[in-house]
Structure formats: structure tokens, C-alpha cells
Amino acid sequence: MLNTISNTSQIDPTQNPELAAQIDAILEEHREKPGCLMVILNEVQTKIGFVSEQIQDYIANSLHVPVSKVHGVISFYSFFTTRPRGKHTIKFCLGTACYVGGSPQLVEKAKQLLGIELGDTTEDGNISITMEACRCVGACSQAPVVVVDDTIYGRVKPSKVTQLIRSLEKEG
């Protein structure tokens, strides 16, 4: 089962006063700073875990900027997410060196093991893992590269993907 929020009012600041208060505090602290949008989005994601479309609308309205500007920042930078992530994240580098080095096979192995697609999150009651693609982590000489949470693994083979996922499942 994929990790989803069935009640969208939980992620809509106009329907959730607690969420609105958290965002308002961040907006107040940073609204006057140059380049505040990036700082605000980063702080909101750090605090809440993601920046949903409803949150993007709320921030845009509060800052009196077009929603397209907020969405443009969210969609340009790969570290922003619009959906909740799992407890653990496994990212597959799909940059040229990693792609040629075999990252598509690693992705396929992870899909088989986790039963999800890139961009999705498992939710089995014990552990949740979000599987993502990234374009380059700057470790091309170690291709193909997989990033689990904040740890980079180089020269990864499909058997290593199995080992990494199993270790996350044991960790819980």
C-alpha cells in the first residue's frame, strides 16, 4: 500500500489551523529577507516534511507572489517534495555515468523487492521507504551510485540493492 494522506484537510493550511500557525511563523521570520522564498520553502519542508500543492498556494498568497513562482522553485530543485516521504529514502542516480554503469537494473531490482515505482513510498506497518531518482550526486567515478538516507554507496550491484533494502527492513 502506498503512503497517502486520505484527508487532504490535514495538508491544507486553510483547513488546518495548527499547520497554518507553523507556516505563518516561518513566513514571519523570513518574509523580509532577500531570496526569502527558497528559505521559507526549505524551512517548511524541514518542519512539515513536504510542500503540498495546498501549502504552495498558501505560501504564494501570503507572500503575494504567483503560485507558478513557488511551484517553479519546488519543481526545479530535486530536494523538495510535494508528498510525504517514508522513514527511509533510497535514491538511484540516473546521471549519465550511473545510467551507463547499470542504474536502470538497480531500479528494477528495488521495484521488485519493494513493490513500488520511483517516486512512491511503501507502507507496510513496520517500515516505510521512499524510492526516488536523482540526476547526479557527484560521485561519477563510483558509478552506479545509490544513496540511502544520507549515505552514498558506489559501484552498486543488484545484490547490494537487496542487502541495503533488507538492512532497512531489519532496522525498522
Protein backbone atom coordinates (compact mmCIF):
# COMPACT_ATOMS: atom_id res chain seq x y z
CA MET A 1 0.00 0.00 0.00
CA LEU A 2 1.37 3.42 -0.91
CA ASN A 3 1.80 6.14 1.66
CA THR A 4 -1.03 8.60 1.08
CA ILE A 5 -2.95 11.11 3.11
CA SER A 6 -6.63 10.37 2.68
CA ASN A 7 -7.82 13.53 4.42
CA THR A 8 -6.49 16.45 2.39
CA SER A 9 -7.53 18.92 5.11
CA GLN A 10 -4.51 17.62 7.06
CA ILE A 11 -2.20 19.18 4.44
CA ASP A 12 -4.30 22.28 3.69
CA PRO A 13 -3.30 25.23 5.89
CA THR A 14 -6.64 26.92 5.25
CA GLN A 15 -8.36 23.90 6.86
CA ASN A 16 -5.73 23.07 9.49
CA PRO A 17 -5.04 25.90 11.98
CA GLU A 18 -2.07 24.12 13.54
CA LEU A 19 -0.39 23.72 10.15
CA ALA A 20 -1.18 27.34 9.25
CA ALA A 21 0.38 28.54 12.52
CA GLN A 22 3.60 26.62 11.80
CA ILE A 23 3.83 28.09 8.29
CA ASP A 24 2.89 31.59 9.48
CA ALA A 25 5.74 31.53 12.00
CA ILE A 26 8.20 30.62 9.25
CA LEU A 27 6.77 33.29 6.94
CA GLU A 28 7.04 35.97 9.63
CA GLU A 29 10.63 35.08 10.43
CA HIS A 30 11.85 35.19 6.81
CA ARG A 31 9.45 37.28 4.69
CA GLU A 32 11.67 40.39 4.65
CA LYS A 33 14.90 38.59 3.77
CA PRO A 34 16.27 38.70 0.20
CA GLY A 35 15.56 35.40 -1.54
CA CYS A 36 13.06 34.54 1.18
CA LEU A 37 11.06 32.09 -0.94
CA MET A 38 13.80 29.47 -1.04
CA VAL A 39 14.47 29.84 2.70
CA ILE A 40 10.76 29.64 3.53
CA LEU A 41 10.18 26.55 1.38
CA ASN A 42 13.22 24.84 2.87
CA GLU A 43 12.12 25.61 6.45
CA VAL A 44 8.55 24.48 5.75
CA GLN A 45 9.79 21.19 4.30
CA THR A 46 12.14 20.69 7.25
CA LYS A 47 9.31 21.32 9.72
CA ILE A 48 6.45 19.53 7.93
CA GLY A 49 8.33 17.05 5.74
CA PHE A 50 6.97 18.12 2.33
CA VAL A 51 5.39 21.07 0.50
CA SER A 52 1.98 20.05 -0.85
CA GLU A 53 0.12 22.00 -3.53
CA GLN A 54 -2.14 23.42 -0.84
CA ILE A 55 0.90 24.61 1.14
CA GLN A 56 2.38 26.13 -2.03
CA ASP A 57 -0.87 28.04 -2.62
CA TYR A 58 -0.89 29.26 0.98
CA ILE A 59 2.73 30.48 0.79
CA ALA A 60 2.15 32.19 -2.56
CA ASN A 61 -0.92 34.01 -1.24
CA SER A 62 0.90 35.02 1.94
CA LEU A 63 3.88 36.40 0.02
CA HIS A 64 1.70 37.93 -2.74
CA VAL A 65 3.57 36.08 -5.48
CA PRO A 66 2.17 33.88 -8.26
CA VAL A 67 1.74 30.21 -7.38
CA SER A 68 3.76 29.47 -10.51
CA LYS A 69 6.80 31.10 -8.90
CA VAL A 70 6.51 28.88 -5.82
CA HIS A 71 5.85 25.78 -7.91
CA GLY A 72 8.79 26.67 -10.17
CA VAL A 73 11.18 26.56 -7.22
CA ILE A 74 9.66 23.31 -5.90
CA SER A 75 9.85 21.58 -9.27
CA PHE A 76 13.34 22.84 -10.14
CA TYR A 77 15.15 21.69 -7.01
CA SER A 78 15.10 17.92 -6.55
CA PHE A 79 15.39 18.06 -2.77
CA PHE A 80 11.86 19.45 -2.47
CA THR A 81 8.98 17.01 -2.33
CA THR A 82 5.24 17.55 -2.62
CA ARG A 83 4.27 14.30 -0.91
CA PRO A 84 5.14 12.76 2.44
CA ARG A 85 8.26 10.62 2.39
CA GLY A 86 8.99 7.41 4.19
CA LYS A 87 11.16 6.97 7.23
CA HIS A 88 13.97 6.00 4.84
CA THR A 89 14.79 7.22 1.34
CA ILE A 90 16.64 5.27 -1.33
CA LYS A 91 17.76 7.31 -4.34
CA PHE A 92 19.13 5.95 -7.58
CA CYS A 93 21.45 8.20 -9.54
CA LEU A 94 20.36 8.32 -13.17
CA GLY A 95 23.12 10.64 -14.34
CA THR A 96 25.00 9.55 -17.46
CA ALA A 97 27.82 7.63 -15.75
CA CYS A 98 25.44 5.82 -13.39
CA TYR A 99 22.91 5.11 -16.11
CA VAL A 100 25.57 3.57 -18.36
CA GLY A 101 27.01 1.77 -15.33
CA GLY A 102 23.77 -0.08 -14.67
CA SER A 103 21.47 2.04 -12.51
CA PRO A 104 18.33 1.02 -14.51
CA GLN A 105 18.93 -2.59 -13.40
CA LEU A 106 19.27 -1.42 -9.79
CA VAL A 107 15.97 0.45 -10.02
CA GLU A 108 14.25 -2.63 -11.43
CA LYS A 109 15.62 -4.78 -8.60
CA ALA A 110 14.35 -2.30 -5.99
CA LYS A 111 10.94 -2.15 -7.70
CA GLN A 112 10.70 -5.95 -7.46
CA LEU A 113 11.73 -6.00 -3.81
CA LEU A 114 9.61 -3.07 -2.64
CA GLY A 115 6.62 -3.42 -4.97
CA ILE A 116 6.55 0.29 -5.78
CA GLU A 117 7.58 2.66 -8.57
CA LEU A 118 10.06 5.55 -8.45
CA GLY A 119 8.52 8.41 -6.51
CA ASP A 120 6.34 6.14 -4.36
CA THR A 121 6.54 5.15 -0.71
CA THR A 122 5.96 1.74 0.84
CA GLU A 123 3.81 1.49 3.91
CA ASP A 124 3.72 -1.92 5.47
CA GLY A 125 3.28 -1.05 9.12
CA ASN A 126 6.89 -1.76 10.08
CA ILE A 127 8.89 0.44 7.76
CA SER A 128 8.33 2.96 5.04
CA ILE A 129 10.82 3.54 2.24
CA THR A 130 10.56 6.20 -0.43
CA MET A 131 12.24 5.31 -3.73
CA GLU A 132 13.45 8.21 -5.87
CA ALA A 133 15.62 9.02 -8.85
CA CYS A 134 18.22 11.77 -8.82
CA ARG A 135 20.33 13.15 -11.63
CA CYS A 136 23.84 13.31 -10.20
CA VAL A 137 25.37 13.07 -6.75
CA GLY A 138 28.87 13.98 -7.91
CA ALA A 139 30.37 10.52 -7.46
CA CYS A 140 30.64 9.55 -11.12
CA SER A 141 33.85 7.59 -10.59
CA GLN A 142 31.87 5.29 -8.27
CA ALA A 143 29.03 4.63 -10.76
CA PRO A 144 26.43 3.34 -10.36
CA VAL A 145 25.60 5.14 -7.14
CA VAL A 146 22.74 4.63 -4.68
CA VAL A 147 22.04 6.99 -1.77
CA VAL A 148 20.30 5.50 1.25
CA ASP A 149 19.17 8.26 3.60
CA ASP A 150 22.41 10.30 3.75
CA THR A 151 24.89 7.53 2.90
CA ILE A 152 26.32 7.15 -0.61
CA TYR A 153 27.11 3.66 -1.92
CA GLY A 154 29.24 3.28 -5.04
CA ARG A 155 29.77 0.55 -7.61
CA VAL A 156 26.47 -0.99 -6.55
CA LYS A 157 25.32 -4.32 -7.97
CA PRO A 158 21.73 -5.66 -7.81
CA SER A 159 22.72 -7.97 -4.94
CA LYS A 160 23.84 -4.92 -2.95
CA VAL A 161 20.42 -3.29 -3.51
CA THR A 162 18.84 -6.37 -1.95
CA GLN A 163 21.24 -6.14 1.00
CA LEU A 164 20.58 -2.40 1.50
CA ILE A 165 16.80 -2.82 1.46
CA ARG A 166 16.92 -5.83 3.80
CA SER A 167 19.05 -3.85 6.27
CA LEU A 168 16.48 -1.02 6.26
CA GLU A 169 13.68 -3.52 6.87
CA LYS A 170 15.57 -5.05 9.81
CA GLU A 171 16.27 -1.61 11.24
CA GLY A 172 12.57 -0.77 11.18
